């Protein structure tokens, strides 16, 4: 994720990406990252349920 943020910031600084495009990219990246974290939480929760049975 750090690499993606750095690349987007460099494009923005080089005027190859507008502020609107940067915000859209950050929103998509945040959504993708949040979904991945939520999957990990759900998977660990499912594992805990199996262990407690």
N, C-alpha and C. Protein backbone atom coordinates (compact mmCIF):
# COMPACT_ATOMS: atom_id res chain seq x y z
N UNK A 1 0.83 -1.19 0.00
CA UNK A 1 0.00 0.00 0.00
C UNK A 1 0.88 1.26 0.00
N UNK A 2 1.98 1.21 0.72
CA UNK A 2 2.88 2.37 0.77
C UNK A 2 3.38 2.74 -0.62
N UNK A 3 3.71 1.73 -1.41
CA UNK A 3 4.20 1.98 -2.77
C UNK A 3 3.13 2.68 -3.61
N UNK A 4 1.88 2.24 -3.47
CA UNK A 4 0.78 2.84 -4.23
C UNK A 4 0.57 4.29 -3.82
N UNK A 5 0.65 4.57 -2.53
CA UNK A 5 0.50 5.95 -2.06
C UNK A 5 1.62 6.84 -2.58
N UNK A 6 2.84 6.33 -2.53
CA UNK A 6 3.99 7.10 -3.01
C UNK A 6 3.87 7.39 -4.50
N UNK A 7 3.48 6.39 -5.27
CA UNK A 7 3.33 6.57 -6.72
C UNK A 7 2.24 7.59 -7.04
N UNK A 8 1.13 7.52 -6.33
CA UNK A 8 0.03 8.48 -6.56
C UNK A 8 0.47 9.89 -6.19
N UNK A 9 1.19 10.04 -5.09
CA UNK A 9 1.65 11.36 -4.66
C UNK A 9 2.62 11.95 -5.67
N UNK A 10 3.51 11.12 -6.21
CA UNK A 10 4.46 11.59 -7.22
C UNK A 10 3.73 12.05 -8.48
N UNK A 11 2.72 11.31 -8.91
CA UNK A 11 1.94 11.72 -10.08
C UNK A 11 1.24 13.05 -9.82
N UNK A 12 0.70 13.20 -8.61
CA UNK A 12 0.03 14.44 -8.25
C UNK A 12 1.01 15.61 -8.26
N UNK A 13 2.18 15.41 -7.69
CA UNK A 13 3.20 16.47 -7.66
C UNK A 13 3.70 16.82 -9.05
N UNK A 14 3.74 15.85 -9.95
CA UNK A 14 4.18 16.08 -11.33
C UNK A 14 3.06 16.62 -12.22
N UNK A 15 1.92 16.92 -11.61
CA UNK A 15 0.74 17.46 -12.32
C UNK A 15 0.15 16.47 -13.32
N UNK A 16 0.42 15.18 -13.13
CA UNK A 16 -0.16 14.16 -14.00
C UNK A 16 -1.48 13.64 -13.43
N UNK A 17 -1.80 14.08 -12.22
CA UNK A 17 -3.00 13.63 -11.52
C UNK A 17 -3.63 14.85 -10.86
N UNK A 18 -4.92 15.06 -11.11
CA UNK A 18 -5.59 16.21 -10.49
C UNK A 18 -5.93 15.87 -9.04
N UNK A 19 -6.28 16.89 -8.28
CA UNK A 19 -6.64 16.65 -6.88
C UNK A 19 -7.88 15.76 -6.78
N UNK A 20 -8.81 15.94 -7.71
CA UNK A 20 -10.01 15.09 -7.73
C UNK A 20 -9.62 13.64 -7.99
N UNK A 21 -8.75 13.42 -8.96
CA UNK A 21 -8.30 12.06 -9.27
C UNK A 21 -7.54 11.44 -8.10
N UNK A 22 -6.74 12.26 -7.42
CA UNK A 22 -6.00 11.77 -6.26
C UNK A 22 -6.97 11.34 -5.16
N UNK A 23 -7.97 12.15 -4.89
CA UNK A 23 -8.96 11.81 -3.87
C UNK A 23 -9.74 10.55 -4.24
N UNK A 24 -10.09 10.41 -5.51
CA UNK A 24 -10.79 9.21 -5.95
C UNK A 24 -9.92 7.97 -5.76
N UNK A 25 -8.65 8.09 -6.12
CA UNK A 25 -7.71 6.98 -5.96
C UNK A 25 -7.59 6.61 -4.48
N UNK A 26 -7.43 7.61 -3.62
CA UNK A 26 -7.29 7.35 -2.19
C UNK A 26 -8.55 6.69 -1.62
N UNK A 27 -9.71 7.12 -2.10
CA UNK A 27 -10.96 6.50 -1.66
C UNK A 27 -11.04 5.04 -2.05
N UNK A 28 -10.66 4.74 -3.29
CA UNK A 28 -10.68 3.35 -3.76
C UNK A 28 -9.66 2.51 -3.01
N UNK A 29 -8.48 3.06 -2.79
CA UNK A 29 -7.44 2.33 -2.07
C UNK A 29 -7.87 2.06 -0.63
N UNK A 30 -8.48 3.06 0.00
CA UNK A 30 -8.97 2.89 1.37
C UNK A 30 -10.05 1.82 1.43
N UNK A 31 -10.95 1.84 0.47
CA UNK A 31 -12.03 0.85 0.44
C UNK A 31 -11.46 -0.56 0.28
N UNK A 32 -10.53 -0.70 -0.64
CA UNK A 32 -9.91 -2.00 -0.89
C UNK A 32 -9.19 -2.49 0.37
N UNK A 33 -8.44 -1.61 1.00
CA UNK A 33 -7.69 -1.97 2.21
C UNK A 33 -8.64 -2.33 3.35
N UNK A 34 -9.72 -1.58 3.50
CA UNK A 34 -10.69 -1.84 4.57
C UNK A 34 -11.38 -3.18 4.36
N UNK A 35 -11.71 -3.50 3.11
CA UNK A 35 -12.35 -4.78 2.82
C UNK A 35 -11.41 -5.93 3.16
N UNK A 36 -10.14 -5.77 2.84
CA UNK A 36 -9.15 -6.81 3.15
C UNK A 36 -9.04 -7.01 4.66
N UNK A 37 -8.98 -5.91 5.40
CA UNK A 37 -8.89 -6.01 6.86
C UNK A 37 -10.14 -6.67 7.43
N UNK A 38 -11.32 -6.33 6.89
CA UNK A 38 -12.56 -6.90 7.38
C UNK A 38 -12.59 -8.41 7.12
N UNK A 39 -12.10 -8.84 5.96
CA UNK A 39 -12.03 -10.27 5.66
C UNK A 39 -11.15 -10.98 6.68
N UNK A 40 -10.03 -10.38 7.02
CA UNK A 40 -9.12 -10.98 8.00
C UNK A 40 -9.79 -11.09 9.37
N UNK A 41 -10.57 -10.09 9.75
CA UNK A 41 -11.28 -10.12 11.02
C UNK A 41 -12.33 -11.23 11.00
N UNK A 42 -13.08 -11.32 9.90
CA UNK A 42 -14.09 -12.36 9.79
C UNK A 42 -13.46 -13.75 9.83
N UNK A 43 -12.35 -13.92 9.13
CA UNK A 43 -11.68 -15.21 9.11
C UNK A 43 -11.15 -15.58 10.49
N UNK A 44 -10.59 -14.63 11.20
CA UNK A 44 -10.07 -14.92 12.54
C UNK A 44 -11.23 -15.19 13.49
N UNK A 45 -12.35 -14.52 13.30
CA UNK A 45 -13.54 -14.77 14.11
C UNK A 45 -14.09 -16.16 13.87
N UNK A 46 -14.09 -16.61 12.63
CA UNK A 46 -14.55 -17.95 12.30
C UNK A 46 -13.62 -18.99 12.91
N UNK A 47 -12.34 -18.72 12.91
CA UNK A 47 -11.37 -19.64 13.51
C UNK A 47 -11.57 -19.72 15.02
N UNK A 48 -11.88 -18.60 15.66
CA UNK A 48 -12.11 -18.59 17.10
C UNK A 48 -13.37 -19.36 17.45
N UNK A 49 -14.42 -19.26 16.61
CA UNK A 49 -15.65 -19.99 16.85
C UNK A 49 -15.41 -21.49 16.79
N UNK A 50 -14.61 -21.94 15.85
CA UNK A 50 -14.30 -23.36 15.71
C UNK A 50 -13.53 -23.84 16.93
N UNK A 51 -12.59 -23.05 17.41
CA UNK A 51 -11.79 -23.42 18.57
C UNK A 51 -12.64 -23.50 19.84
N UNK A 52 -13.64 -22.65 19.97
CA UNK A 52 -14.44 -22.61 21.20
C UNK A 52 -15.49 -23.71 21.24
N UNK A 53 -15.79 -24.35 20.12
CA UNK A 53 -16.80 -25.43 20.10
C UNK A 53 -16.33 -26.68 20.76
